[in-house]
Amino acid sequence: MSSEQVSVGRVELSYTLTEDDWLDGFVAHRRRVRRPWLVPVLVVAVLVGLILGYVISDGSRTMSAAVVAALAMVALVGIGLGLLLFRLLVATRSIYRLQVRTIMRGNPWLSEPMRAAVDDTGLRITSASRSETAAWSQYLRYVETERSFVLRASERLGAAVLVLPKRGLVTGDPAALRALLETHCHRSD
């Protein structure tokens, strides 16, 4: 958050959220979540391979072809498991698409036309069936994508996410909204 409070004024948006908007928000949020456990898992796999190689070689300094082959096999399995974990846990856009469809079906009001007003006090979002107000303290971080601004309650995986599509900006220029977000939120990169 900026130490100086710059008054930008009110920014208005008018939009209807689509599955692609939510998908953009989910992917942007997930992309920013760190996975500190993945590296230790791979390090342990390599260490186990080295220990097995040492045990198989009976402690001698020279390694036979069989030991080298076993170590190579352990290394390949470790790399394979690492790539599989990466694919399953990090780059799972198709799972998000399924989640987004489920969320949109279970919450039909998400597909209603919405109007949002963003200013120095926070956000106000209204639709035909709902009206919600959020203070800036509820959304501490944001991510800007090519399509939208994704407001996040925290860095945690299950944190609340609010998607504001750029196409909904009444003025068409995202600079004013970006300035408000820079003033009141931390940008996540």
Protein backbone atom coordinates (compact mmCIF):
# COMPACT_ATOMS: atom_id res chain seq x y z
CA MET A 1 0.00 0.00 0.00
CA SER A 2 1.19 3.45 -0.76
CA SER A 3 2.12 5.63 2.19
CA GLU A 4 0.49 8.63 0.58
CA GLN A 5 -3.27 8.60 0.10
CA VAL A 6 -3.94 9.82 -3.42
CA SER A 7 -7.57 10.61 -4.14
CA VAL A 8 -8.48 9.30 -7.56
CA GLY A 9 -12.22 9.60 -7.38
CA ARG A 10 -14.91 7.07 -8.10
CA VAL A 11 -14.44 4.35 -10.73
CA GLU A 12 -17.53 2.62 -12.08
CA LEU A 13 -17.87 -0.73 -13.77
CA SER A 14 -20.81 -2.34 -15.48
CA TYR A 15 -20.47 -6.00 -16.45
CA THR A 16 -21.85 -9.51 -16.41
CA LEU A 17 -19.37 -12.08 -15.13
CA THR A 18 -18.65 -14.99 -17.44
CA GLU A 19 -17.01 -18.35 -16.77
CA ASP A 20 -13.88 -17.00 -18.49
CA ASP A 21 -13.76 -14.05 -16.05
CA TRP A 22 -13.89 -16.40 -13.06
CA LEU A 23 -11.37 -18.74 -14.66
CA ASP A 24 -9.02 -15.80 -15.14
CA GLY A 25 -9.44 -14.91 -11.47
CA PHE A 26 -8.87 -18.45 -10.20
CA VAL A 27 -5.78 -18.96 -12.34
CA ALA A 28 -4.34 -15.57 -11.34
CA HIS A 29 -4.93 -16.32 -7.66
CA ARG A 30 -3.50 -19.85 -7.82
CA ARG A 31 -0.50 -18.72 -9.85
CA ARG A 32 0.51 -16.49 -6.95
CA VAL A 33 0.24 -19.16 -4.24
CA ARG A 34 3.60 -20.54 -3.24
CA ARG A 35 4.23 -24.28 -2.79
CA PRO A 36 7.15 -24.54 -0.37
CA TRP A 37 6.64 -28.27 0.16
CA LEU A 38 7.40 -29.28 -3.45
CA VAL A 39 11.15 -28.60 -3.26
CA PRO A 40 11.73 -30.59 -0.04
CA VAL A 41 9.88 -33.58 -1.53
CA LEU A 42 12.21 -33.58 -4.51
CA VAL A 43 15.30 -33.10 -2.31
CA VAL A 44 14.27 -36.08 -0.17
CA ALA A 45 13.81 -38.20 -3.31
CA VAL A 46 17.34 -37.35 -4.47
CA LEU A 47 18.82 -38.04 -1.03
CA VAL A 48 17.09 -41.41 -0.84
CA GLY A 49 18.53 -42.23 -4.25
CA LEU A 50 22.04 -41.29 -3.15
CA ILE A 51 21.76 -43.31 0.07
CA LEU A 52 20.46 -46.32 -1.84
CA GLY A 53 23.35 -45.99 -4.27
CA TYR A 54 25.85 -45.87 -1.43
CA VAL A 55 24.28 -48.91 0.29
CA ILE A 56 24.21 -50.90 -2.95
CA SER A 57 27.87 -50.09 -3.62
CA ASP A 58 28.86 -51.48 -0.18
CA GLY A 59 30.61 -48.24 0.72
CA SER A 60 33.31 -48.58 -1.90
CA ARG A 61 34.40 -45.46 -3.75
CA THR A 62 34.03 -47.03 -7.16
CA MET A 63 30.60 -47.70 -8.51
CA SER A 64 29.68 -50.52 -10.79
CA ALA A 65 27.56 -50.06 -13.89
CA ALA A 66 24.59 -51.53 -12.02
CA VAL A 67 24.88 -48.89 -9.27
CA VAL A 68 25.16 -46.07 -11.82
CA ALA A 69 22.10 -47.47 -13.63
CA ALA A 70 20.17 -47.68 -10.35
CA LEU A 71 21.06 -44.08 -9.49
CA ALA A 72 20.04 -42.94 -12.97
CA MET A 73 16.74 -44.77 -12.58
CA VAL A 74 16.08 -43.13 -9.19
CA ALA A 75 16.92 -39.71 -10.66
CA LEU A 76 14.57 -40.26 -13.61
CA VAL A 77 11.77 -41.42 -11.31
CA GLY A 78 12.34 -38.34 -9.11
CA ILE A 79 12.21 -36.03 -12.11
CA GLY A 80 9.12 -37.81 -13.41
CA LEU A 81 7.34 -37.50 -10.06
CA GLY A 82 8.32 -33.84 -9.86
CA LEU A 83 6.88 -33.14 -13.31
CA LEU A 84 3.73 -35.11 -12.47
CA LEU A 85 3.26 -33.16 -9.24
CA PHE A 86 3.81 -29.93 -11.14
CA ARG A 87 1.21 -30.87 -13.75
CA LEU A 88 -1.36 -32.10 -11.25
CA LEU A 89 -0.98 -29.47 -8.57
CA VAL A 90 0.23 -26.33 -10.28
CA ALA A 91 -1.02 -26.22 -13.85
CA THR A 92 -4.57 -27.49 -13.42
CA ARG A 93 -6.60 -25.09 -15.52
CA SER A 94 -9.09 -27.82 -16.45
CA ILE A 95 -9.95 -28.42 -12.78
CA TYR A 96 -10.60 -24.71 -12.38
CA ARG A 97 -12.91 -24.74 -15.38
CA LEU A 98 -14.98 -27.47 -13.66
CA GLN A 99 -14.99 -25.52 -10.37
CA VAL A 100 -16.06 -22.33 -12.13
CA ARG A 101 -18.98 -24.10 -13.85
CA THR A 102 -20.08 -25.55 -10.52
CA ILE A 103 -19.87 -22.16 -8.80
CA MET A 104 -21.76 -20.42 -11.59
CA ARG A 105 -24.54 -23.05 -11.59
CA GLY A 106 -24.86 -22.97 -7.80
CA ASN A 107 -24.94 -19.17 -7.63
CA PRO A 108 -27.12 -17.88 -10.48
CA TRP A 109 -26.79 -14.31 -9.22
CA LEU A 110 -23.14 -14.38 -10.37
CA SER A 111 -24.44 -14.33 -13.96
CA GLU A 112 -26.62 -11.27 -13.42
CA PRO A 113 -25.58 -7.87 -14.79
CA MET A 114 -23.61 -6.05 -12.10
CA ARG A 115 -22.58 -2.52 -11.34
CA ALA A 116 -19.56 -1.81 -9.20
CA ALA A 117 -18.40 1.46 -7.72
CA VAL A 118 -14.86 1.65 -6.41
CA ASP A 119 -13.57 4.64 -4.44
CA ASP A 120 -11.39 5.54 -1.46
CA THR A 121 -13.85 3.98 1.00
CA GLY A 122 -14.04 0.56 -0.70
CA LEU A 123 -16.21 -1.31 -3.18
CA ARG A 124 -19.97 -1.43 -3.72
CA ILE A 125 -21.36 -4.12 -6.01
CA THR A 126 -25.03 -4.31 -6.93
CA SER A 127 -27.06 -6.63 -9.10
CA ALA A 128 -30.76 -7.31 -9.50
CA SER A 129 -30.83 -9.60 -6.45
CA ARG A 130 -27.87 -8.46 -4.31
CA SER A 131 -26.05 -5.48 -2.98
CA GLU A 132 -22.70 -5.83 -1.24
CA THR A 133 -20.20 -3.42 0.24
CA ALA A 134 -16.57 -4.24 1.04
CA ALA A 135 -13.99 -2.11 2.80
CA TRP A 136 -10.42 -2.10 1.53
CA SER A 137 -9.41 -4.08 4.61
CA GLN A 138 -11.25 -7.10 3.15
CA TYR A 139 -9.09 -7.19 0.01
CA LEU A 140 -5.46 -6.71 0.93
CA ARG A 141 -3.91 -7.83 -2.37
CA TYR A 142 -4.61 -7.68 -6.06
CA VAL A 143 -3.34 -9.19 -9.28
CA GLU A 144 -3.71 -7.52 -12.66
CA THR A 145 -4.15 -9.78 -15.66
CA GLU A 146 -4.69 -8.95 -19.30
CA ARG A 147 -8.46 -9.29 -18.82
CA SER A 148 -9.18 -8.23 -15.26
CA PHE A 149 -8.21 -7.04 -11.81
CA VAL A 150 -8.39 -9.87 -9.27
CA LEU A 151 -8.77 -8.71 -5.68
CA ARG A 152 -7.63 -11.20 -3.04
CA ALA A 153 -8.30 -11.39 0.68
CA SER A 154 -4.86 -12.96 1.30
CA GLU A 155 -2.09 -15.09 -0.22
CA ARG A 156 -3.72 -18.28 1.07
CA LEU A 157 -5.24 -20.75 -1.35
CA GLY A 158 -8.84 -20.61 -0.05
CA ALA A 159 -8.94 -16.82 0.23
CA ALA A 160 -11.85 -14.82 -1.11
CA VAL A 161 -11.41 -13.62 -4.69
CA LEU A 162 -13.25 -10.79 -6.42
CA VAL A 163 -12.92 -10.40 -10.19
CA LEU A 164 -13.38 -6.98 -11.79
CA PRO A 165 -13.22 -7.39 -15.58
CA LYS A 166 -11.51 -4.55 -17.42
CA ARG A 167 -14.13 -4.70 -20.16
CA GLY A 168 -16.66 -3.48 -17.56
CA LEU A 169 -14.93 -0.15 -16.95
CA VAL A 170 -17.38 2.60 -17.89
CA THR A 171 -14.57 4.90 -19.05
CA GLY A 172 -12.67 2.06 -20.71
CA ASP A 173 -9.38 3.20 -19.13
CA PRO A 174 -8.00 0.96 -16.35
CA ALA A 175 -5.53 3.61 -15.09
CA ALA A 176 -7.90 5.11 -12.47
CA LEU A 177 -8.84 1.70 -11.04
CA ARG A 178 -5.18 0.66 -11.05
CA ALA A 179 -4.31 3.84 -9.11
CA LEU A 180 -7.01 3.11 -6.50
CA LEU A 181 -5.79 -0.46 -6.10
CA GLU A 182 -2.17 0.68 -5.81
CA THR A 183 -3.21 3.10 -3.06
CA HIS A 184 -5.27 0.64 -1.00
CA CYS A 185 -3.89 -2.85 -1.78
CA HIS A 186 -0.58 -4.62 -2.24
CA ARG A 187 0.11 -5.74 -5.78
CA SER A 188 0.98 -9.43 -5.99
CA ASP A 189 3.48 -10.30 -8.70
